[in-house]
């Protein structure tokens, strides 16, 4: 394996991004220093990870599906972008921000593969036919807004609409990614969520993401520090969103609900309050915990990580009768 820190100033560019340039420790230098730490492997093993506490404290599960930074070597060879550009689609360090919840008694799951390789917060076959050599399955969703924007299950673009590939890729490649990564990830997530539900009679999934501090428009107002997405009240009972919002506001953060993010595929399809399954998406402003330009953790990182542990405890303290199915039905 090789640890990659960013595009070398003296590396030659080639079709696949960076031409490896040997330096001590396989480090690649960037104008700003040793940054963009990612890992390159021939195999994704393991492709994702489930972390369980020694004792389960409550029915709360944290998930980080977009913080993966292990890049398959074959994928990089076929990309026209270097790894620094590809990393723009990562929810960098989010898995580390929430890792402390495990010691607090709550399980978490995280992907190791990058979002630009396969995105598990999409439908399984949200695919753009313009990307592929060969015929897509008849059941593929080729007309969604996300596909139109280049952000399907296998993404066409990253960052500011930068094309990942300079030619079509085999459709069998996309289908292999879905079979070997997407489906096993969701099987594991569903199994863990169901286990919580069976143990406590209810389960709460907190799907964690990060967002740029601005969308890049000159006149845009600063974004809030957190955006909660509950699909406009349909993916969880009110007490879940209210607990998250109240906790974060008490900790001193600005919070918005459902704008500009109301929750993606995971929030929509895992949340079913009528049977005691609740899902909420948590978007974290990257300026809170990292230097967005240099991809480094900020001095505020540890404080935010501690606040995520506080949030987990508060969610774990919600009375179970407010989460179980009969409560949802009564409301």
Protein backbone atom coordinates (compact mmCIF):
# COMPACT_ATOMS: atom_id res chain seq x y z
CA UNK A 1 0.00 0.00 0.00
CA UNK A 2 1.05 3.62 -0.47
CA UNK A 3 0.07 6.68 1.52
CA UNK A 4 -0.76 9.62 -0.74
CA UNK A 5 -0.67 13.20 0.47
CA UNK A 6 -1.35 15.19 -2.68
CA UNK A 7 -0.12 16.06 -6.17
CA UNK A 8 3.63 16.51 -6.33
CA UNK A 9 4.90 19.75 -7.78
CA UNK A 10 7.52 17.78 -9.64
CA UNK A 11 5.32 14.83 -10.63
CA UNK A 12 4.49 14.33 -14.26
CA UNK A 13 0.81 14.38 -15.12
CA UNK A 14 -0.58 11.48 -17.11
CA UNK A 15 -3.97 10.14 -18.08
CA UNK A 16 -4.52 8.47 -14.71
CA UNK A 17 -3.75 11.56 -12.61
CA UNK A 18 -0.37 11.42 -10.84
CA UNK A 19 2.70 9.62 -12.02
CA UNK A 20 4.08 8.13 -8.78
CA UNK A 21 7.26 9.84 -7.67
CA UNK A 22 9.18 7.98 -4.95
CA UNK A 23 9.97 9.99 -1.86
CA UNK A 24 10.57 8.76 1.70
CA UNK A 25 7.43 7.04 2.95
CA UNK A 26 5.76 7.29 -0.48
CA UNK A 27 4.72 10.86 0.31
CA UNK A 28 3.62 13.15 -2.46
CA UNK A 29 4.30 16.83 -2.01
CA UNK A 30 1.80 19.62 -2.50
CA UNK A 31 2.46 23.37 -2.71
CA UNK A 32 0.93 23.70 0.76
CA UNK A 33 2.86 20.80 2.29
CA UNK A 34 2.06 17.14 2.92
CA UNK A 35 -1.70 17.17 2.52
CA UNK A 36 -4.62 15.25 1.10
CA UNK A 37 -3.76 12.07 3.00
CA UNK A 38 -5.34 9.13 1.21
CA UNK A 39 -4.47 5.53 0.73
CA UNK A 40 -4.03 3.65 -2.54
CA UNK A 41 -4.61 -0.10 -2.60
CA UNK A 42 -4.93 -2.85 -5.15
CA UNK A 43 -7.78 -4.32 -3.07
CA UNK A 44 -10.44 -2.71 -0.89
CA UNK A 45 -10.07 -4.95 2.12
CA UNK A 46 -12.11 -4.25 4.11
CA UNK A 47 -14.30 -1.95 2.01
CA UNK A 48 -16.21 -0.73 5.06
CA UNK A 49 -16.21 -1.10 8.80
CA UNK A 50 -18.74 -1.61 11.59
CA UNK A 51 -17.63 -0.50 15.06
CA UNK A 52 -19.66 -1.79 17.97
CA UNK A 53 -19.48 -0.74 21.62
CA UNK A 54 -18.81 -3.23 24.39
CA UNK A 55 -22.26 -2.46 25.81
CA UNK A 56 -25.07 -0.88 23.79
CA UNK A 57 -26.38 2.19 25.58
CA UNK A 58 -29.35 3.00 23.38
CA UNK A 59 -31.01 2.54 19.96
CA UNK A 60 -28.80 5.02 18.10
CA UNK A 61 -26.56 4.23 15.11
CA UNK A 62 -24.15 6.67 13.45
CA UNK A 63 -23.18 6.25 9.79
CA UNK A 64 -20.50 7.92 7.66
CA UNK A 65 -20.96 6.75 4.06
CA UNK A 66 -18.89 9.44 2.32
CA UNK A 67 -15.70 9.75 4.39
CA UNK A 68 -13.87 6.91 2.61
CA UNK A 69 -10.39 7.78 1.36
CA UNK A 70 -8.99 4.44 0.16
CA UNK A 71 -8.62 4.68 -3.62
CA UNK A 72 -8.38 1.54 -5.80
CA UNK A 73 -5.26 1.73 -7.94
CA UNK A 74 -7.07 0.59 -11.09
CA UNK A 75 -9.63 3.36 -10.62
CA UNK A 76 -6.94 6.06 -10.46
CA UNK A 77 -5.32 4.76 -13.63
CA UNK A 78 -8.58 5.37 -15.51
CA UNK A 79 -9.23 8.84 -14.08
CA UNK A 80 -8.31 12.07 -15.82
CA UNK A 81 -8.18 13.91 -12.47
CA UNK A 82 -5.52 13.75 -9.79
CA UNK A 83 -6.36 12.60 -6.31
CA UNK A 84 -6.53 16.13 -4.91
CA UNK A 85 -9.43 16.90 -7.26
CA UNK A 86 -11.15 13.59 -6.51
CA UNK A 87 -11.01 14.29 -2.78
CA UNK A 88 -13.37 17.24 -3.19
CA UNK A 89 -16.25 14.80 -3.06
CA UNK A 90 -15.15 13.28 0.27
CA UNK A 91 -16.74 14.07 3.61
CA UNK A 92 -13.23 14.32 4.98
CA UNK A 93 -12.68 13.26 8.61
CA UNK A 94 -16.39 12.88 9.39
CA UNK A 95 -15.85 9.28 10.47
CA UNK A 96 -13.19 10.48 12.91
CA UNK A 97 -15.50 13.18 14.24
CA UNK A 98 -18.12 10.61 15.24
CA UNK A 99 -15.80 7.76 16.27
CA UNK A 100 -16.06 8.71 19.94
CA UNK A 101 -19.71 7.64 20.05
CA UNK A 102 -18.57 3.99 20.12
CA UNK A 103 -16.92 4.32 23.51
CA UNK A 104 -20.12 6.05 24.62
CA UNK A 105 -22.15 2.93 23.85
CA UNK A 106 -23.38 3.53 20.30
CA UNK A 107 -22.40 1.65 17.12
CA UNK A 108 -21.15 3.33 13.98
CA UNK A 109 -20.46 2.35 10.39
CA UNK A 110 -18.12 3.92 7.87
CA UNK A 111 -17.09 3.36 4.27
CA UNK A 112 -13.42 3.08 3.32
CA UNK A 113 -14.01 3.39 -0.44
CA UNK A 114 -14.45 6.92 -1.83
CA UNK A 115 -17.80 8.35 -2.80
CA UNK A 116 -16.57 9.10 -6.33
CA UNK A 117 -15.94 5.37 -6.84
CA UNK A 118 -19.43 4.30 -5.75
CA UNK A 119 -21.98 6.33 -3.82
CA UNK A 120 -24.08 4.36 -1.34
CA UNK A 121 -26.35 7.37 -0.71
CA UNK A 122 -28.03 6.81 -4.07
CA UNK A 123 -30.42 4.27 -5.49
CA UNK A 124 -28.53 1.09 -6.41
CA UNK A 125 -28.76 1.70 -10.15
CA UNK A 126 -28.89 5.48 -10.59
CA UNK A 127 -26.66 5.52 -13.67
CA UNK A 128 -25.94 7.87 -16.57
CA UNK A 129 -25.93 5.97 -19.90
CA UNK A 130 -23.60 8.60 -21.40
CA UNK A 131 -20.82 7.36 -19.10
CA UNK A 132 -20.75 3.74 -20.11
CA UNK A 133 -19.66 1.45 -22.90
CA UNK A 134 -22.39 -1.17 -23.14
CA UNK A 135 -26.08 -1.40 -22.32
CA UNK A 136 -27.37 -0.59 -18.85
CA UNK A 137 -29.94 -2.89 -17.23
CA UNK A 138 -33.51 -2.03 -18.18
CA UNK A 139 -34.34 -1.24 -14.54
CA UNK A 140 -31.60 1.39 -14.16
CA UNK A 141 -32.81 4.88 -13.22
CA UNK A 142 -31.24 7.05 -15.91
CA UNK A 143 -33.42 10.14 -15.51
CA UNK A 144 -33.07 11.29 -11.93
CA UNK A 145 -31.95 14.81 -11.06
CA UNK A 146 -28.82 13.35 -9.48
CA UNK A 147 -27.93 11.48 -12.67
CA UNK A 148 -28.51 14.68 -14.66
CA UNK A 149 -26.07 16.46 -12.37
CA UNK A 150 -23.42 13.78 -12.84
CA UNK A 151 -23.80 12.45 -9.31
CA UNK A 152 -25.34 9.02 -9.72
CA UNK A 153 -24.39 5.77 -8.01
CA UNK A 154 -21.21 5.86 -10.08
CA UNK A 155 -20.39 9.55 -10.36
CA UNK A 156 -19.46 11.28 -13.59
CA UNK A 157 -18.15 14.49 -11.97
CA UNK A 158 -16.64 15.84 -8.75
CA UNK A 159 -16.19 19.35 -7.39
CA UNK A 160 -17.23 22.08 -9.78
CA UNK A 161 -18.55 19.66 -12.40
CA UNK A 162 -15.10 18.30 -13.22
CA UNK A 163 -15.34 15.18 -15.36
CA UNK A 164 -13.73 12.17 -13.66
CA UNK A 165 -13.12 10.16 -16.84
CA UNK A 166 -11.96 11.19 -20.31
CA UNK A 167 -13.70 8.26 -21.98
CA UNK A 168 -16.59 5.87 -21.39
CA UNK A 169 -16.05 3.09 -18.88
CA UNK A 170 -17.38 -0.48 -19.27
CA UNK A 171 -20.86 -0.92 -17.87
CA UNK A 172 -19.69 -4.17 -16.28
CA UNK A 173 -17.25 -2.11 -14.18
CA UNK A 174 -20.12 -0.07 -12.71
CA UNK A 175 -22.18 -3.19 -12.05
CA UNK A 176 -19.23 -4.85 -10.27
CA UNK A 177 -18.89 -1.84 -7.97
CA UNK A 178 -22.58 -2.07 -7.12
CA UNK A 179 -22.47 -5.82 -6.47
CA UNK A 180 -19.20 -5.87 -4.52
CA UNK A 181 -19.48 -2.61 -2.53
CA UNK A 182 -22.88 -0.93 -2.66
CA UNK A 183 -25.02 -3.96 -1.89
CA UNK A 184 -22.80 -5.41 0.87
CA UNK A 185 -22.65 -1.97 2.51
CA UNK A 186 -26.42 -1.69 2.63
CA UNK A 187 -26.83 -5.28 3.79
CA UNK A 188 -24.52 -4.56 6.72
CA UNK A 189 -26.18 -1.23 7.52
CA UNK A 190 -29.65 -2.74 7.37
CA UNK A 191 -28.56 -5.67 9.53
CA UNK A 192 -27.16 -3.34 12.20
CA UNK A 193 -30.21 -1.08 12.11
CA UNK A 194 -32.53 -4.09 12.40
CA UNK A 195 -30.51 -5.45 15.30
CA UNK A 196 -30.96 -2.18 17.21
CA UNK A 197 -34.68 -2.24 16.46
CA UNK A 198 -34.96 -5.81 17.70
CA UNK A 199 -33.00 -5.02 20.87
CA UNK A 200 -34.80 -1.80 21.86
CA UNK A 201 -38.08 -1.85 19.94
CA UNK A 202 -36.95 1.23 17.96
CA UNK A 203 -33.84 2.50 16.18
CA UNK A 204 -32.43 5.91 15.19
CA UNK A 205 -29.98 6.27 12.30
CA UNK A 206 -27.88 9.45 12.19
CA UNK A 207 -26.45 9.69 8.67
CA UNK A 208 -23.44 12.02 8.87
CA UNK A 209 -22.08 14.17 6.05
CA UNK A 210 -20.13 17.38 5.54
CA UNK A 211 -20.76 20.41 3.36
CA UNK A 212 -18.51 23.19 2.03
CA UNK A 213 -18.82 26.37 4.03
CA UNK A 214 -20.03 28.16 0.88
CA UNK A 215 -21.27 27.10 -2.53
CA UNK A 216 -18.71 29.40 -4.11
CA UNK A 217 -21.11 32.16 -5.12
CA UNK A 218 -19.81 35.61 -4.29
CA UNK A 219 -23.07 36.94 -2.89
CA UNK A 220 -24.13 33.79 -1.08
CA UNK A 221 -24.83 34.04 2.63
CA UNK A 222 -22.69 31.89 4.92
CA UNK A 223 -24.19 28.46 5.44
CA UNK A 224 -25.37 27.35 8.88
CA UNK A 225 -23.01 25.18 10.89
CA UNK A 226 -25.39 22.22 10.77
CA UNK A 227 -28.22 21.27 8.43
CA UNK A 228 -30.65 18.62 9.66
CA UNK A 229 -32.52 16.63 7.03
CA UNK A 230 -35.61 14.67 8.04
CA UNK A 231 -37.33 14.65 4.63
CA UNK A 232 -39.63 17.40 5.91
CA UNK A 233 -40.72 15.42 8.93
CA UNK A 234 -41.31 12.07 7.20
CA UNK A 235 -38.15 10.10 8.07
CA UNK A 236 -38.34 10.36 11.88
CA UNK A 237 -40.68 11.42 14.66
CA UNK A 238 -40.44 15.03 15.72
CA UNK A 239 -38.64 14.32 18.99
CA UNK A 240 -35.57 13.05 17.11
CA UNK A 241 -35.07 16.21 15.02
CA UNK A 242 -36.01 18.40 17.99
CA UNK A 243 -33.43 16.69 20.20
CA UNK A 244 -30.69 17.08 17.60
CA UNK A 245 -31.53 20.74 16.97
CA UNK A 246 -31.89 21.67 20.65
CA UNK A 247 -28.64 19.93 21.58
CA UNK A 248 -26.65 21.61 18.83
CA UNK A 249 -28.11 25.04 19.55
CA UNK A 250 -27.37 24.64 23.26
CA UNK A 251 -23.77 23.83 22.32
CA UNK A 252 -23.60 27.14 20.47
CA UNK A 253 -24.10 26.13 16.83
CA UNK A 254 -26.35 27.58 14.15
CA UNK A 255 -28.80 25.02 12.77
CA UNK A 256 -31.11 24.82 9.77
CA UNK A 257 -33.64 22.14 8.84
CA UNK A 258 -34.04 20.64 5.37
CA UNK A 259 -32.48 23.59 3.52
CA UNK A 260 -30.42 23.15 1.48
CA UNK A 261 -30.31 19.41 2.33
CA UNK A 262 -33.44 17.45 3.25
CA UNK A 263 -31.79 14.02 3.34
CA UNK A 264 -30.69 11.60 0.66
CA UNK A 265 -31.40 8.00 -0.26
CA UNK A 266 -30.36 6.60 3.12
CA UNK A 267 -32.52 8.98 5.14
CA UNK A 268 -35.51 8.45 2.86
CA UNK A 269 -35.32 4.65 2.68
CA UNK A 270 -34.22 3.74 6.19
CA UNK A 271 -36.59 6.06 8.00
CA UNK A 272 -40.00 4.51 8.66
CA UNK A 273 -41.40 6.04 11.85
CA UNK A 274 -44.60 3.99 11.67
CA UNK A 275 -42.59 0.86 12.56
CA UNK A 276 -40.15 2.55 14.94
CA UNK A 277 -37.31 3.17 12.47
CA UNK A 278 -36.06 6.77 12.42
CA UNK A 279 -33.45 8.36 10.18
CA UNK A 280 -32.02 11.87 10.12
CA UNK A 281 -29.25 13.35 7.99
CA UNK A 282 -26.65 15.55 9.65
CA UNK A 283 -24.67 17.91 7.41
CA UNK A 284 -21.66 19.48 9.14
CA UNK A 285 -20.11 22.71 7.86
CA UNK A 286 -16.47 21.86 7.08
CA UNK A 287 -15.25 25.22 8.34
CA UNK A 288 -16.16 24.00 11.83
CA UNK A 289 -13.43 21.39 11.96
CA UNK A 290 -11.01 21.61 9.03
CA UNK A 291 -9.03 23.87 6.74
CA UNK A 292 -10.98 23.41 3.52
CA UNK A 293 -8.12 24.62 1.33
CA UNK A 294 -5.39 22.48 2.80
CA UNK A 295 -7.51 19.49 3.93
CA UNK A 296 -6.16 19.57 7.45
CA UNK A 297 -7.96 19.20 10.75
CA UNK A 298 -8.47 22.53 12.49
CA UNK A 299 -7.71 23.25 16.14
CA UNK A 300 -11.47 23.04 16.78
CA UNK A 301 -11.62 19.40 15.68
CA UNK A 302 -11.47 17.87 19.16
CA UNK A 303 -14.18 20.18 20.50
CA UNK A 304 -16.59 19.21 17.73
CA UNK A 305 -15.78 15.51 18.20
CA UNK A 306 -16.65 15.86 21.90
CA UNK A 307 -19.90 17.62 20.96
CA UNK A 308 -20.82 14.68 18.71
CA UNK A 309 -20.49 12.43 21.75
CA UNK A 310 -22.82 14.75 23.66
CA UNK A 311 -25.31 14.59 20.80
CA UNK A 312 -25.21 10.79 20.84
CA UNK A 313 -25.91 10.74 24.58
CA UNK A 314 -28.86 13.10 24.22
CA UNK A 315 -30.37 10.94 21.49
CA UNK A 316 -29.81 7.87 23.63
CA UNK A 317 -31.76 9.52 26.44
CA UNK A 318 -34.98 9.88 24.40
CA UNK A 319 -37.60 7.71 26.15
CA UNK A 320 -38.17 4.57 24.12
CA UNK A 321 -41.96 4.99 24.26
CA UNK A 322 -41.52 8.13 22.14
CA UNK A 323 -39.71 6.13 19.45
CA UNK A 324 -41.61 2.86 19.35
CA UNK A 325 -44.25 2.19 16.68
CA UNK A 326 -47.39 2.82 18.71
CA UNK A 327 -46.17 6.34 19.47
CA UNK A 328 -45.64 7.10 15.80
CA UNK A 329 -49.06 5.72 14.97
CA UNK A 330 -50.68 7.88 17.65
CA UNK A 331 -49.11 11.00 16.22
